[in-house]
Each structure stands twice: as C-alpha cells, then as structure tokens.
Amino acid sequence: MRHDFTPKFAKSYYSLPGNIQSKFNKQLGYLLNNIRHPSLRAKKYIESSGVWQARVDDNVRFYFKIEGDIYILIDIKNHPK
C-alpha cells in the first residue's frame, strides 16, 4: 500500500509537536504494512463516506480513506474524551 495526504492533513500534522509527529510516522509504517496492527486499532469511523480512524497514542487519532491501494490521510487531531 501507498499513502497520500490532503492539505488539511499536512497543516494539522506540521502543527503537532515533534514527538507526536514521530509517533505518527511509526504508526503510518504499521498502517502501510498491516491495517490490523494491534496498536492502530483501526476502525471504520464514518461508514457512509468510507472514513477510517486509527490511533497515534491515547490522545491523538488520524483519519483516512482507502482508495484502491492508497491510504488518503485526511486529518490528525486530539481525540475528544
């Protein structure tokens, strides 16, 4: 699998602290190799529009769509509790 990102994702990503960016980069590697990796806890977030959610850590989630063999990264943000 490959990945691409939206301008919204890029803006959100670059506004995050460096340690969160590093954690995301690790999680992205897991996603590209195995969407079922346990630390991702990937799940359909909005079924009707095909948006998925996955975990960066306890407080941060990222959102993506799957189009063919490409993960389109939509956003990354703090998870509301």
C-alpha atoms as a PDB file:
ATOM      1  CA  MET A   1       0.000   0.000   0.000  1.00  0.00           C
ATOM      2  CA  ARG A   2       0.949   3.620  -0.516  1.00  0.00           C
ATOM      3  CA  HIS A   3      -0.206   6.839   1.088  1.00  0.00           C
ATOM      4  CA  ASP A   4      -1.069  10.399   0.140  1.00  0.00           C
ATOM      5  CA  PHE A   5      -2.351  13.260   2.238  1.00  0.00           C
ATOM      6  CA  THR A   6      -4.749  16.151   1.953  1.00  0.00           C
ATOM      7  CA  PRO A   7      -3.693  19.769   2.552  1.00  0.00           C
ATOM      8  CA  LYS A   8      -5.762  19.679   5.759  1.00  0.00           C
ATOM      9  CA  PHE A   9      -3.777  16.675   6.997  1.00  0.00           C
ATOM     10  CA  ALA A  10      -0.455  18.363   6.181  1.00  0.00           C
ATOM     11  CA  LYS A  11      -1.453  21.522   8.039  1.00  0.00           C
ATOM     12  CA  SER A  12      -2.584  19.543  11.091  1.00  0.00           C
ATOM     13  CA  TYR A  13       0.494  17.298  11.041  1.00  0.00           C
ATOM     14  CA  TYR A  14       3.010  20.147  10.892  1.00  0.00           C
ATOM     15  CA  SER A  15       1.278  21.943  13.769  1.00  0.00           C
ATOM     16  CA  LEU A  16       1.820  18.925  16.065  1.00  0.00           C
ATOM     17  CA  PRO A  17       4.769  18.645  18.467  1.00  0.00           C
ATOM     18  CA  GLY A  18       7.752  16.685  17.162  1.00  0.00           C
ATOM     19  CA  ASN A  19       7.194  13.736  19.492  1.00  0.00           C
ATOM     20  CA  ILE A  20       3.638  13.271  18.158  1.00  0.00           C
ATOM     21  CA  GLN A  21       4.905  13.524  14.568  1.00  0.00           C
ATOM     22  CA  SER A  22       7.413  10.768  15.359  1.00  0.00           C
ATOM     23  CA  LYS A  23       4.713   8.574  16.881  1.00  0.00           C
ATOM     24  CA  PHE A  24       2.529   9.114  13.828  1.00  0.00           C
ATOM     25  CA  ASN A  25       5.388   8.219  11.472  1.00  0.00           C
ATOM     26  CA  LYS A  26       5.791   4.908  13.322  1.00  0.00           C
ATOM     27  CA  GLN A  27       2.042   4.234  13.164  1.00  0.00           C
ATOM     28  CA  LEU A  28       1.984   5.087   9.452  1.00  0.00           C
ATOM     29  CA  GLY A  29       4.592   2.382   8.892  1.00  0.00           C
ATOM     30  CA  TYR A  30       2.347  -0.107  10.657  1.00  0.00           C
ATOM     31  CA  LEU A  31      -0.642   1.023   8.602  1.00  0.00           C
ATOM     32  CA  LEU A  32       1.197   0.608   5.306  1.00  0.00           C
ATOM     33  CA  ASN A  33       2.238  -2.926   6.257  1.00  0.00           C
ATOM     34  CA  ASN A  34      -0.818  -4.177   8.150  1.00  0.00           C
ATOM     35  CA  ILE A  35      -4.014  -2.215   8.810  1.00  0.00           C
ATOM     36  CA  ARG A  36      -4.834  -4.761  11.528  1.00  0.00           C
ATOM     37  CA  HIS A  37      -1.735  -3.990  13.593  1.00  0.00           C
ATOM     38  CA  PRO A  38      -2.942  -4.003  17.231  1.00  0.00           C
ATOM     39  CA  SER A  39      -1.562  -0.576  18.175  1.00  0.00           C
ATOM     40  CA  LEU A  40      -3.509   1.126  15.376  1.00  0.00           C
ATOM     41  CA  ARG A  41      -6.928  -0.094  16.480  1.00  0.00           C
ATOM     42  CA  ALA A  42      -8.106   0.948  13.009  1.00  0.00           C
ATOM     43  CA  LYS A  43     -11.852   1.000  12.518  1.00  0.00           C
ATOM     44  CA  LYS A  44     -14.448   2.453  10.208  1.00  0.00           C
ATOM     45  CA  TYR A  45     -15.312   5.861  11.604  1.00  0.00           C
ATOM     46  CA  ILE A  46     -17.942   7.109   9.152  1.00  0.00           C
ATOM     47  CA  GLU A  47     -19.307   4.110   7.286  1.00  0.00           C
ATOM     48  CA  SER A  48     -21.290   6.109   4.718  1.00  0.00           C
ATOM     49  CA  SER A  49     -18.277   8.062   3.458  1.00  0.00           C
ATOM     50  CA  GLY A  50     -15.622   5.369   3.961  1.00  0.00           C
ATOM     51  CA  VAL A  51     -13.611   7.275   6.572  1.00  0.00           C
ATOM     52  CA  TRP A  52     -11.431   5.235   8.913  1.00  0.00           C
ATOM     53  CA  GLN A  53      -9.902   6.185  12.259  1.00  0.00           C
ATOM     54  CA  ALA A  54      -6.635   4.909  13.752  1.00  0.00           C
ATOM     55  CA  ARG A  55      -4.688   5.621  16.892  1.00  0.00           C
ATOM     56  CA  VAL A  56      -1.406   7.501  17.214  1.00  0.00           C
ATOM     57  CA  ASP A  57      -1.483   7.303  21.006  1.00  0.00           C
ATOM     58  CA  ASP A  58      -4.060   7.591  23.785  1.00  0.00           C
ATOM     59  CA  ASN A  59      -4.794  11.215  22.889  1.00  0.00           C
ATOM     60  CA  VAL A  60      -4.307  11.541  19.122  1.00  0.00           C
ATOM     61  CA  ARG A  61      -6.157   9.933  16.209  1.00  0.00           C
ATOM     62  CA  PHE A  62      -5.733  10.120  12.468  1.00  0.00           C
ATOM     63  CA  TYR A  63      -8.402   9.740   9.817  1.00  0.00           C
ATOM     64  CA  PHE A  64      -8.068   8.276   6.336  1.00  0.00           C
ATOM     65  CA  LYS A  65      -9.861   6.764   3.358  1.00  0.00           C
ATOM     66  CA  ILE A  66      -8.825   3.797   1.290  1.00  0.00           C
ATOM     67  CA  GLU A  67      -8.880   4.335  -2.470  1.00  0.00           C
ATOM     68  CA  GLY A  68      -7.543   1.336  -4.347  1.00  0.00           C
ATOM     69  CA  ASP A  69      -4.070   0.707  -2.949  1.00  0.00           C
ATOM     70  CA  ILE A  70      -3.667   4.218  -1.489  1.00  0.00           C
ATOM     71  CA  TYR A  71      -4.421   5.446   2.002  1.00  0.00           C
ATOM     72  CA  ILE A  72      -5.589   9.064   1.713  1.00  0.00           C
ATOM     73  CA  LEU A  73      -4.751  10.741   5.022  1.00  0.00           C
ATOM     74  CA  ILE A  74      -7.466  13.268   5.824  1.00  0.00           C
ATOM     75  CA  ASP A  75      -6.732  14.674   9.284  1.00  0.00           C
ATOM     76  CA  ILE A  76      -4.861  14.124  12.528  1.00  0.00           C
ATOM     77  CA  LYS A  77      -6.030  15.637  15.791  1.00  0.00           C
ATOM     78  CA  ASN A  78      -6.530  15.231  19.511  1.00  0.00           C
ATOM     79  CA  HIS A  79      -9.162  12.690  20.401  1.00  0.00           C
ATOM     80  CA  PRO A  80     -12.048  14.193  22.377  1.00  0.00           C
ATOM     81  CA  LYS A  81     -12.657  12.334  25.589  1.00  0.00           C
END
